[in-house]
Protein backbone atom coordinates (compact mmCIF):
# COMPACT_ATOMS: atom_id res chain seq x y z
CA MET A 1 1.12 51.83 89.77
CA LEU A 2 0.77 48.29 87.58
CA SER A 3 -2.33 47.94 85.15
CA ILE A 4 -4.31 46.05 87.12
CA PHE A 5 -8.19 47.00 87.46
CA ASP A 6 -10.39 44.91 90.07
CA GLN A 7 -14.12 45.72 90.29
CA GLY A 8 -14.21 43.28 93.07
CA PRO A 9 -15.30 40.24 93.19
CA PRO A 10 -18.35 38.65 91.75
CA PRO A 11 -21.28 37.12 93.97
CA ALA A 12 -20.73 33.31 94.12
CA CYS A 13 -22.99 31.52 91.73
CA PRO A 14 -25.26 29.57 93.73
CA SER A 15 -25.71 25.48 94.03
CA PRO A 16 -27.33 24.00 92.52
CA PHE A 17 -27.58 25.97 89.50
CA ASN A 18 -28.75 25.26 85.82
CA LEU A 19 -28.19 27.60 83.20
CA ALA A 20 -31.60 27.44 81.43
CA ALA A 21 -33.53 27.84 84.70
CA HIS A 22 -31.62 31.12 85.38
CA VAL A 23 -32.45 32.40 82.37
CA LEU A 24 -36.32 31.42 82.66
CA ARG A 25 -36.45 32.47 86.05
CA TYR A 26 -39.32 35.06 85.90
CA ALA A 27 -41.07 32.44 83.56
CA ASP A 28 -43.99 31.93 86.09
CA THR A 29 -43.94 35.62 87.71
CA LEU A 30 -44.23 36.68 83.97
CA SER A 31 -46.12 34.03 82.38
CA ASP A 32 -48.24 36.64 80.22
CA LYS A 33 -46.10 39.24 79.42
CA THR A 34 -44.07 38.83 75.68
CA ALA A 35 -40.51 37.20 76.17
CA LEU A 36 -40.05 37.84 72.48
CA SER A 37 -41.10 39.23 69.49
CA VAL A 38 -40.28 37.67 65.96
CA VAL A 39 -40.89 41.18 64.02
CA GLY A 40 -41.18 41.65 60.43
CA ALA A 41 -42.67 44.55 58.18
CA ALA A 42 -46.48 43.82 58.31
CA ASP A 43 -46.33 42.09 62.06
CA ALA A 44 -44.79 40.46 65.09
CA ARG A 45 -45.37 36.81 66.25
CA ASN A 46 -45.13 37.02 69.67
CA TRP A 47 -44.24 34.27 72.61
CA THR A 48 -44.90 34.81 76.24
CA TYR A 49 -42.65 33.59 79.01
CA GLY A 50 -45.15 31.01 79.62
CA THR A 51 -45.38 29.70 76.18
CA LEU A 52 -41.77 30.33 76.03
CA GLN A 53 -40.85 27.69 78.98
CA GLN A 54 -43.09 25.01 77.45
CA ALA A 55 -41.50 25.12 74.36
CA ILE A 56 -38.19 24.56 76.20
CA LEU A 57 -39.18 22.18 78.70
CA GLY A 58 -41.18 20.07 76.68
CA THR A 59 -38.08 20.04 74.36
CA GLY A 60 -36.15 19.00 77.19
CA THR A 61 -38.33 16.21 77.65
CA GLY A 62 -38.90 15.08 73.93
CA LEU A 63 -34.47 14.89 74.01
CA LEU A 64 -34.41 12.58 76.95
CA ASN A 65 -37.31 10.23 75.66
CA ALA A 66 -34.91 10.25 71.99
CA GLY A 67 -32.53 8.58 74.07
CA LEU A 68 -30.14 11.76 75.22
CA LYS A 69 -28.52 11.58 78.48
CA PRO A 70 -27.32 14.23 80.93
CA GLY A 71 -24.08 15.09 79.89
CA ASP A 72 -24.53 13.87 75.77
CA ILE A 73 -23.03 16.05 73.34
CA ALA A 74 -26.02 17.46 70.79
CA LEU A 75 -24.51 19.55 67.26
CA MET A 76 -27.15 21.87 66.82
CA ARG A 77 -27.39 22.27 62.95
CA LEU A 78 -30.49 24.69 62.29
CA GLY A 79 -31.24 27.42 60.60
CA ASN A 80 -31.88 30.91 61.46
CA THR A 81 -35.25 30.57 63.54
CA VAL A 82 -36.56 30.49 66.63
CA ASP A 83 -36.23 26.64 66.59
CA PHE A 84 -32.46 27.24 67.58
CA PRO A 85 -32.53 28.74 70.99
CA ILE A 86 -35.88 26.67 72.10
CA ALA A 87 -33.53 23.32 71.11
CA TYR A 88 -30.52 25.34 72.84
CA LEU A 89 -32.49 26.15 76.03
CA GLY A 90 -34.44 22.68 75.80
CA ALA A 91 -31.14 20.33 76.00
CA ILE A 92 -29.57 22.86 78.81
CA ALA A 93 -32.33 22.62 80.90
CA VAL A 94 -32.32 18.91 81.56
CA GLY A 95 -28.58 18.44 81.11
CA ILE A 96 -27.47 17.93 77.92
CA VAL A 97 -24.69 19.99 76.16
CA PRO A 98 -25.78 21.37 73.29
CA VAL A 99 -22.93 22.92 70.43
CA PRO A 100 -24.39 25.66 68.45
CA THR A 101 -22.85 26.26 65.05
CA SER A 102 -23.45 28.71 62.19
CA SER A 103 -25.70 27.51 59.34
CA GLN A 104 -22.89 28.54 56.55
CA LEU A 105 -20.45 26.00 57.42
CA THR A 106 -19.94 23.68 54.96
CA GLU A 107 -20.36 19.85 55.44
CA PRO A 108 -16.45 18.99 55.37
CA GLU A 109 -16.13 21.53 58.07
CA THR A 110 -19.42 19.59 60.19
CA ALA A 111 -17.30 16.55 59.59
CA ARG A 112 -14.47 17.93 61.39
CA MET A 113 -16.50 19.02 64.30
CA ILE A 114 -18.60 15.98 64.52
CA GLU A 115 -14.34 13.83 64.30
CA ASP A 116 -13.48 16.07 67.33
CA LEU A 117 -17.28 16.09 69.35
CA LYS A 118 -18.34 12.14 69.15
CA PRO A 119 -21.50 13.83 69.58
CA ALA A 120 -24.39 11.59 70.89
CA ALA A 121 -27.17 13.20 67.88
CA ILE A 122 -27.27 15.88 65.65
CA LEU A 123 -29.96 18.43 65.86
CA ARG A 124 -31.14 18.60 62.08
CA ASP A 125 -32.90 21.21 59.89
CA SER A 126 -32.47 19.46 56.26
CA GLN A 127 -31.87 22.93 54.60
CA VAL A 128 -28.58 23.06 56.82
CA ALA A 129 -25.70 21.34 55.89
CA CYS A 130 -24.11 18.22 57.35
CA ALA A 131 -21.84 15.64 57.20
CA ALA A 132 -23.36 12.10 58.04
CA HIS A 133 -24.24 10.86 61.77
CA PRO A 134 -26.36 7.70 62.83
CA VAL A 135 -28.37 9.87 64.93
CA GLN A 136 -30.19 12.93 63.54
CA ILE A 137 -33.04 14.52 65.40
CA ASN A 138 -34.78 16.47 62.76
CA LEU A 139 -36.67 19.80 62.94
CA SER A 140 -40.44 18.47 62.64
CA ASP A 141 -39.66 16.08 65.65
CA LEU A 142 -38.03 19.05 67.67
CA THR A 143 -41.13 21.25 66.94
CA LYS A 144 -43.80 18.49 67.98
CA MET A 145 -41.65 17.76 71.58
CA ARG A 146 -42.65 21.65 72.32
CA ASP A 147 -45.95 20.44 73.59
CA LEU A 148 -44.79 17.37 75.51
CA PRO A 149 -44.98 17.75 79.94
CA ALA A 150 -42.73 19.81 80.88
CA ALA A 151 -39.50 18.55 82.27
CA GLU A 152 -37.73 19.32 85.14
CA TYR A 153 -34.78 21.37 85.34
CA GLN A 154 -31.69 19.11 86.06
CA MET A 155 -29.90 21.44 89.05
CA GLY A 156 -26.60 20.58 90.04
CA ASP A 157 -22.88 21.77 90.08
CA PRO A 158 -22.56 25.17 88.67
CA GLU A 159 -18.68 23.87 87.43
CA ARG A 160 -20.11 21.58 85.05
CA MET A 161 -19.88 21.94 81.30
CA ALA A 162 -23.31 23.23 79.66
CA TYR A 163 -22.51 24.59 76.24
CA VAL A 164 -19.76 24.29 74.02
CA VAL A 165 -19.10 27.13 71.32
CA TYR A 166 -16.09 26.84 68.60
CA THR A 167 -13.89 29.55 67.63
CA SER A 168 -11.04 29.67 64.89
CA GLY A 169 -8.40 28.73 66.92
CA THR A 170 -4.28 30.43 65.86
CA SER A 171 -3.54 26.77 64.58
CA GLY A 172 -6.20 27.20 61.57
CA LYS A 173 -7.74 24.44 63.12
CA PRO A 174 -11.12 25.56 65.49
CA ARG A 175 -11.19 25.03 69.41
CA ALA A 176 -13.86 23.74 70.85
CA VAL A 177 -14.77 25.90 73.84
CA ALA A 178 -16.70 24.31 76.75
CA HIS A 179 -18.50 26.84 79.21
CA ALA A 180 -19.96 26.01 82.28
CA HIS A 181 -23.28 26.60 83.77
CA ARG A 182 -22.30 29.24 85.78
CA ALA A 183 -21.57 31.28 82.56
CA ILE A 184 -24.49 32.75 82.73
CA TRP A 185 -24.21 34.10 86.11
CA ALA A 186 -21.74 36.09 84.84
CA ARG A 187 -23.65 37.89 82.33
CA GLN A 188 -25.10 39.89 85.10
CA MET A 189 -22.21 41.58 84.99
CA MET A 190 -23.37 43.34 81.88
CA VAL A 191 -26.27 44.55 82.72
CA ASP A 192 -25.09 47.79 84.23
CA GLY A 193 -21.59 47.44 83.07
CA TRP A 194 -22.27 47.73 79.52
CA TYR A 195 -26.49 47.31 78.49
CA GLY A 196 -28.31 49.96 81.10
CA LEU A 197 -30.16 46.96 80.89
CA ARG A 198 -34.18 47.34 82.66
CA LYS A 199 -37.09 45.13 82.80
CA SER A 200 -39.31 47.49 81.14
CA ASP A 201 -36.80 47.58 78.02
CA ARG A 202 -37.33 46.36 74.39
CA LEU A 203 -34.31 45.00 73.15
CA CYS A 204 -33.48 44.12 69.64
CA HIS A 205 -30.77 42.54 68.32
CA ALA A 206 -30.04 42.46 64.41
CA GLY A 207 -28.80 39.23 64.52
CA ALA A 208 -29.36 35.72 63.92
CA PHE A 209 -31.26 33.38 65.95
CA ASN A 210 -27.96 31.39 65.83
CA TRP A 211 -25.60 33.29 66.03
CA THR A 212 -23.62 33.05 70.05
CA TYR A 213 -24.14 37.34 69.91
CA THR A 214 -27.51 37.41 69.64
CA LEU A 215 -28.41 34.06 72.17
CA GLY A 216 -26.52 36.13 74.61
CA THR A 217 -27.01 39.76 74.38
CA GLY A 218 -30.43 39.41 72.07
CA LEU A 219 -32.09 36.91 73.77
CA MET A 220 -31.34 35.34 77.41
CA ASP A 221 -29.80 38.36 78.74
CA PRO A 222 -32.74 39.80 78.40
CA TRP A 223 -35.26 37.40 79.02
CA THR A 224 -32.54 36.80 82.63
CA ILE A 225 -34.55 40.04 84.25
CA GLY A 226 -37.50 39.69 82.73
CA ALA A 227 -37.54 42.29 79.66
CA THR A 228 -38.61 41.63 75.74
CA ALA A 229 -36.44 40.57 73.14
CA LEU A 230 -37.38 41.90 69.47
CA ILE A 231 -35.36 39.86 66.61
CA PRO A 232 -35.93 41.05 63.42
CA GLU A 233 -37.61 37.67 60.68
CA PRO A 234 -34.94 36.07 58.94
CA GLY A 235 -34.34 37.73 55.01
CA THR A 236 -35.33 41.04 56.49
CA GLU A 237 -33.13 44.28 54.83
CA LEU A 238 -31.02 46.28 56.67
CA ALA A 239 -33.10 49.36 55.10
CA ASP A 240 -35.91 48.01 57.16
CA LEU A 241 -34.50 48.01 60.23
CA PRO A 242 -35.28 51.31 61.58
CA GLY A 243 -38.84 51.11 59.94
CA LEU A 244 -39.04 48.26 62.67
CA LEU A 245 -37.27 49.88 65.45
CA ARG A 246 -39.49 52.93 65.25
CA HIS A 247 -42.83 50.49 65.15
CA HIS A 248 -42.25 47.95 67.81
CA GLN A 249 -40.80 50.49 70.33
CA ALA A 250 -37.06 49.31 70.88
CA THR A 251 -35.52 50.86 73.19
CA ILE A 252 -32.08 49.50 73.05
CA PHE A 253 -30.74 48.11 69.70
CA ALA A 254 -27.40 45.99 69.47
CA ALA A 255 -25.66 44.56 66.10
CA ALA A 256 -22.25 44.31 65.09
CA PRO A 257 -20.34 47.73 64.16
CA GLY A 258 -21.02 46.44 60.11
CA VAL A 259 -24.83 46.54 60.78
CA PHE A 260 -24.79 50.08 62.20
CA ARG A 261 -22.76 51.29 59.57
CA LYS A 262 -25.16 50.16 56.41
CA VAL A 263 -28.18 51.20 57.68
CA LEU A 264 -26.56 54.81 58.24
CA GLY A 265 -25.34 54.79 54.72
CA MET A 266 -29.49 53.77 53.61
CA GLN A 267 -30.76 56.57 55.78
CA ASN A 268 -31.04 59.74 55.37
CA ASN A 269 -33.08 60.43 58.94
CA LEU A 270 -33.20 57.89 61.27
CA HIS A 271 -35.70 59.21 63.64
CA LEU A 272 -35.88 57.04 66.85
CA PRO A 273 -38.47 58.18 69.27
CA ASP A 274 -38.05 55.13 71.52
CA LEU A 275 -34.21 54.54 71.56
CA ARG A 276 -32.66 54.81 74.42
CA HIS A 277 -29.05 53.78 72.90
CA GLY A 278 -27.20 50.90 70.84
CA LEU A 279 -24.87 48.26 72.05
CA CYS A 280 -21.83 47.55 69.55
CA ALA A 281 -19.51 44.16 69.74
CA GLY A 282 -18.27 41.76 67.51
CA GLU A 283 -15.40 44.25 66.13
CA LYS A 284 -13.44 47.18 67.16
CA LEU A 285 -16.02 50.03 66.84
CA SER A 286 -14.25 53.31 64.98
CA ARG A 287 -14.40 56.72 66.45
CA HIS A 288 -15.50 58.08 62.56
CA LEU A 289 -18.80 55.65 62.86
CA HIS A 290 -19.36 56.56 66.53
CA GLU A 291 -19.73 59.76 65.95
CA GLN A 292 -21.63 59.60 62.28
CA TRP A 293 -24.35 57.47 64.65
CA THR A 294 -24.25 59.90 67.36
CA GLN A 295 -25.21 62.64 65.17
CA GLU A 296 -27.83 60.96 63.03
CA THR A 297 -29.33 59.53 65.90
CA GLY A 298 -29.25 61.29 68.72
CA THR A 299 -27.96 58.48 71.10
CA GLU A 300 -24.97 56.68 72.25
CA LEU A 301 -23.40 53.52 71.09
CA TYR A 302 -21.69 51.54 73.70
CA GLU A 303 -18.97 48.73 72.77
CA ALA A 304 -17.99 46.22 74.53
CA TYR A 305 -15.01 43.66 74.32
CA GLY A 306 -14.70 39.65 74.76
CA MET A 307 -14.32 36.79 73.40
CA SER A 308 -15.62 33.06 72.97
CA GLU A 309 -13.47 32.04 76.11
CA CYS A 310 -15.16 34.73 78.45
CA SER A 311 -17.78 36.59 76.33
CA THR A 312 -17.21 40.38 77.49
CA PHE A 313 -16.05 41.74 80.18
CA ILE A 314 -14.54 45.32 79.05
CA SER A 315 -17.14 47.83 78.05
CA SER A 316 -18.46 51.46 78.06
CA SER A 317 -21.87 51.93 79.20
CA PRO A 318 -24.77 54.89 79.92
CA THR A 319 -22.83 55.26 83.47
CA HIS A 320 -19.31 54.67 82.22
CA PRO A 321 -18.81 55.81 78.76
CA ALA A 322 -15.75 55.79 77.10
CA ARG A 323 -13.24 58.23 76.82
CA GLY A 324 -11.56 58.99 73.57
CA ASP A 325 -10.87 55.97 71.86
CA ALA A 326 -10.86 53.50 74.48
CA LEU A 327 -12.91 51.00 74.49
CA GLY A 328 -14.42 51.57 78.23
CA GLN A 329 -13.48 49.64 81.67
CA PRO A 330 -13.84 46.35 83.45
CA GLN A 331 -17.24 45.47 84.39
CA PRO A 332 -18.24 45.37 87.86
CA GLY A 333 -17.18 41.99 89.36
CA ARG A 334 -14.39 41.35 86.51
CA ARG A 335 -10.69 41.66 87.18
CA VAL A 336 -8.09 42.59 83.91
CA ALA A 337 -5.14 43.46 83.58
CA ILE A 338 -2.67 44.16 81.44
CA LEU A 339 0.29 42.24 81.29
CA GLY A 340 3.74 41.90 79.29
CA THR A 341 6.27 39.06 79.92
CA ASP A 342 6.95 39.45 83.62
CA GLY A 343 3.96 40.09 84.49
CA PRO A 344 1.35 43.65 84.68
CA VAL A 345 3.02 46.31 83.14
CA MET A 346 2.88 49.64 84.56
CA GLN A 347 -0.06 52.60 83.80
CA GLY A 348 -0.49 53.31 80.00
CA GLN A 349 2.00 51.15 78.84
CA GLU A 350 1.46 48.48 76.12
CA GLY A 351 0.68 45.01 76.91
CA THR A 352 -1.79 41.67 76.34
CA ILE A 353 -4.81 41.85 77.39
CA ALA A 354 -5.99 39.25 80.25
CA VAL A 355 -8.72 38.02 82.62
CA HIS A 356 -8.14 36.66 86.29
CA LYS A 357 -8.80 32.60 86.22
CA SER A 358 -11.38 33.31 88.58
CA ASP A 359 -13.43 35.32 86.42
CA PRO A 360 -16.84 33.11 86.56
CA GLY A 361 -17.62 33.36 82.62
CA LEU A 362 -14.19 32.15 81.91
CA MET A 363 -14.38 28.73 79.68
CA LEU A 364 -13.39 25.43 81.31
CA THR A 365 -11.38 24.22 78.36
CA TYR A 366 -10.80 23.56 74.62
CA LEU A 367 -12.33 20.07 74.40
CA ASN A 368 -9.95 19.55 71.50
CA ALA A 369 -6.84 20.92 72.93
CA PRO A 370 -6.51 21.43 76.60
CA ASP A 371 -2.77 21.52 76.51
CA GLU A 372 -3.28 25.00 74.29
CA ALA A 373 -5.82 26.46 76.48
CA GLU A 374 -2.89 25.66 79.60
CA ALA A 375 -0.48 27.37 77.16
CA ARG A 376 -2.80 30.84 77.57
CA MET A 377 -2.45 31.14 81.05
CA GLN A 378 0.47 33.40 82.52
CA GLY A 379 0.34 32.66 86.43
CA ASP A 380 -3.87 33.60 87.13
CA TRP A 381 -4.22 35.24 84.12
CA PHE A 382 -5.82 33.91 81.02
CA LEU A 383 -4.45 35.76 77.80
CA THR A 384 -6.47 37.28 75.16
CA GLY A 385 -4.16 37.41 72.51
CA ASP A 386 -5.00 41.40 72.27
CA GLN A 387 -2.90 43.48 72.68
CA GLY A 388 -4.11 47.13 74.95
CA ALA A 389 -3.36 49.72 77.19
CA MET A 390 -4.99 50.72 80.87
CA ALA A 391 -5.43 54.48 81.96
CA VAL A 392 -4.89 55.55 85.59
CA ASP A 393 -8.70 55.42 85.84
CA GLY A 394 -9.33 51.85 84.19
CA GLN A 395 -9.72 52.39 81.00
CA ILE A 396 -8.44 50.19 78.39
CA THR A 397 -7.63 51.34 74.70
CA TYR A 398 -7.45 48.65 72.62
CA LEU A 399 -4.00 48.25 70.27
CA GLY A 400 -4.50 45.48 67.85
CA ARG A 401 -3.98 41.41 68.22
CA ASP A 402 -0.67 40.11 68.73
CA ASP A 403 -0.73 37.57 66.17
CA ASP A 404 -2.84 37.07 62.48
CA MET A 405 -6.24 36.38 63.41
CA MET A 406 -8.47 38.24 61.00
CA ASN A 407 -11.78 39.92 61.70
CA ALA A 408 -14.38 40.41 58.84
CA GLY A 409 -17.87 40.76 59.94
CA GLY A 410 -18.03 40.49 63.46
CA TYR A 411 -16.41 36.97 63.10
CA ARG A 412 -12.99 36.06 64.30
CA VAL A 413 -11.02 34.46 61.31
CA SER A 414 -7.84 32.50 61.50
CA PRO A 415 -5.56 32.95 58.27
CA VAL A 416 -4.32 29.22 58.61
CA GLU A 417 -7.60 27.58 58.17
CA VAL A 418 -8.77 29.57 54.88
CA GLU A 419 -4.67 28.92 53.96
CA ALA A 420 -5.34 25.29 54.31
CA ALA A 421 -8.33 24.82 52.33
CA LEU A 422 -7.29 26.99 49.19
CA SER A 423 -3.93 25.12 48.91
CA ARG A 424 -5.47 22.27 47.80
CA TYR A 425 -6.27 23.83 45.30
CA SER A 426 -5.17 22.50 41.82
CA GLY A 427 -2.64 25.53 40.47
CA ILE A 428 -1.65 27.10 43.94
CA ALA A 429 1.69 26.71 44.98
CA GLN A 430 1.54 29.30 48.27
CA VAL A 431 -1.53 30.96 49.53
CA GLY A 432 -1.58 33.72 52.18
CA ALA A 433 -4.68 35.43 53.98
CA ALA A 434 -5.45 38.55 55.19
CA ALA A 435 -8.18 41.12 55.67
CA ILE A 436 -8.21 44.04 54.04
CA GLU A 437 -9.80 47.53 54.21
CA VAL A 438 -11.86 48.05 51.15
CA LYS A 439 -13.46 51.37 52.50
CA GLN A 440 -13.49 53.26 55.10
CA ASP A 441 -14.00 50.58 58.61
CA THR A 442 -14.91 47.95 56.18
CA PHE A 443 -12.35 44.75 56.36
CA VAL A 444 -13.12 41.64 54.23
CA ILE A 445 -10.92 38.70 53.60
CA ALA A 446 -8.52 38.48 50.55
CA ALA A 447 -6.30 35.63 49.40
CA PHE A 448 -2.61 35.99 48.19
CA TYR A 449 -1.74 33.41 45.95
CA THR A 450 1.52 32.48 43.80
CA GLY A 451 1.14 29.84 40.97
CA PRO A 452 2.04 29.39 37.39
CA GLU A 453 -0.29 31.53 36.25
CA GLU A 454 -3.39 33.88 37.29
CA LEU A 455 -6.44 31.53 38.57
CA ASP A 456 -10.57 31.83 37.46
CA GLU A 457 -11.66 33.66 40.09
CA ASN A 458 -15.53 32.36 39.55
CA ALA A 459 -14.11 29.07 39.76
CA LEU A 460 -11.73 29.99 42.95
CA ARG A 461 -15.44 31.04 44.68
CA THR A 462 -17.00 28.05 43.93
CA TYR A 463 -14.61 26.30 45.80
CA VAL A 464 -14.67 28.16 48.30
CA GLU A 465 -18.05 28.02 48.61
CA ALA A 466 -17.98 24.73 48.71
CA ASN A 467 -15.10 24.05 51.40
CA LEU A 468 -15.19 27.19 54.00
CA ALA A 469 -18.09 29.14 55.78
CA ARG A 470 -19.57 32.53 54.15
CA TYR A 471 -17.72 34.24 56.97
CA LYS A 472 -14.37 32.59 56.12
CA GLN A 473 -14.83 32.80 52.29
CA PRO A 474 -12.28 35.12 50.65
CA ARG A 475 -14.35 38.31 48.75
CA ALA A 476 -10.31 38.71 46.68
CA PHE A 477 -8.29 36.65 45.26
CA ILE A 478 -4.94 38.04 44.35
CA HIS A 479 -1.92 36.75 41.82
CA LEU A 480 1.32 37.43 42.95
CA ALA A 481 5.09 36.35 41.67
CA GLU A 482 5.64 36.12 45.45
CA LEU A 483 4.16 36.37 48.97
CA PRO A 484 6.13 38.36 51.34
CA THR A 485 8.49 36.69 53.59
CA GLY A 486 10.53 36.92 56.58
CA GLY A 487 14.67 36.32 57.27
CA ASN A 488 13.19 32.60 58.03
CA GLY A 489 11.44 32.29 55.20
CA LYS A 490 8.24 32.30 56.98
CA LEU A 491 5.20 33.88 55.48
CA LEU A 492 4.64 38.16 56.68
CA ARG A 493 0.70 37.96 56.55
CA ARG A 494 1.01 41.61 57.77
CA ALA A 495 2.59 42.62 55.09
CA LEU A 496 0.07 41.34 52.30
CA PRO A 497 -2.81 44.26 52.46
CA ALA A 498 -0.15 46.28 51.07
CA TYR A 499 0.06 44.18 48.39
CA PHE A 500 -4.06 44.51 47.68
CA LYS A 501 -3.14 48.19 47.79
CA ALA A 502 -0.49 48.11 45.15
CA THR A 503 -2.59 45.82 42.65
CA ASN A 504 -5.64 48.85 43.10
CA GLU A 505 -3.66 51.66 42.76
C-alpha cells in the first residue's frame, strides 16, 4: 500500500474568527482560575484568566491608540518576560500582525528583518538588540497599556494573516513564515494526538517566553482548554527544575531533548510524584535518552515532529505510544504522506515527509520568498525536507534531512547563513559549517575554514557574537588545509564532522 495516512478531515474552522479570542475563550468563565504561574525557587507570580485577558485586551487598545492599524506588522524585540506573550496576543486580538523573534538576535540580523518586513513599529525592550526604526514602542509604555479599557476582538476571515515567524532557509536567508488565524484551530489536534492534555493539568514548559515552542505548547495550548501554564522565571538553573516541578505540582513537563538530558545529568534521584509524562520536541529524541528518563522518573516521554511552517503534526501520545525508534503517527485530522519523485512511495520505503495542503496549520506563504514556498509543493503536498518511512500502521520513522540544515539545541540553523557571516572575516579563504556530536546525543555547530594560517579563536568568537544569534554561533573553529569537495568542486558539508573527529583523536 502507498504511504498515505489520512486521519480524517479536521473540524472546519469557524468564521468569523480571531486567534487570540480562541486562546482566551474560557477567560470569562474561568476568570478567577490561575492561567499562568511564573515559578521561582521562592515563590510564584500568578496571573488569573481574568487579569490575563484584561492585560492582553488593554494592550490591544494601547497599540491602536499608538497609531497601529489592523494588518500592520509589528516586530517584537522583547526579552524573556511575561510582557512577550501579552504583547503578542494583544496585537493579534486587534488584527495587528506580530513577529516574535529571539532576543539573542544581533543588530545586523534585525536590520535584515526590518528591510524584509517594513514593519509599522518595533515593540522594544531597550536591553534587547535592535536596528534603528522610526517607530519604537518601549516596554514601559507597553506595560502601562494593560490598564486601558479592553479592546474588542477583531473578528474576521480565519485565512487572514495573524503572525509571522522566522525560520532559517536552505539558501541561508531566514524566511518570514506567514501564518493565518486558523493556525491555532489546527493546534487542537495536538491536545489528544500529543499532549494528553486536560483542563485540570498544570503544564510546565522549560523554555523562554519568547520562544515559539513555549508560546504554543507552553502557553496558548493550555489556555485554549482552560489549563494552567507554569513557566520558570528567567535565569532559573536547570538543576532547580525538578524541585520546581515538585513544589508547583506540575503534571506535564515540556522541553527540548537537551533540557531532559541536562536534568538527568544533574540529578541522582528524580522523584516527581505529580508528573504524568513529558513532552519533547525541537530535535530528534534518542532512544537512549528516552529510556534513561523513563528509568529515572517512572514517566514516559512523548515526542512530536513539526516545523515552523506547520507546527507539529506527527507525534506519539499516551493513547498511541511510539514503537521503537518511530516518531509516532499523524495526529487526528492530519493527512500525511511519504513522497518520492513520482508521488507517495510504498509503505516501508524511504521518502520525503509531506503534509497535505488542506492542513489548517500550514503556513500561508513565505513573505520574503513566495516562489520558494511554491517550490516546496509537490501536487497537493507540502514537502518538509525531512526523510522518513511509514509502517503499515501509520507510524513514521525519521531518517534525517535531505539537505544540510543543522539542528543544535532545538534550533534549525542554515549552514549557509553561518558561512556567509564568517566569509567576511579577514583571513578566512573558504568556510563550511556543520553540526558535530561532541558527546552522546549532544550536538554543537562547528566552523571549518581554510586560510594562510590558523586564526585566534577568541577573536573569532567575539566576531560571531556580534554578527550571529547565540544559537547560530559556532562553538568550535577548525583550521584545515582544504575543505572536502565533490567532483564539481562543491563543498561536501556532510563530510565535515569526520574532520572534527580526526582533529580530536
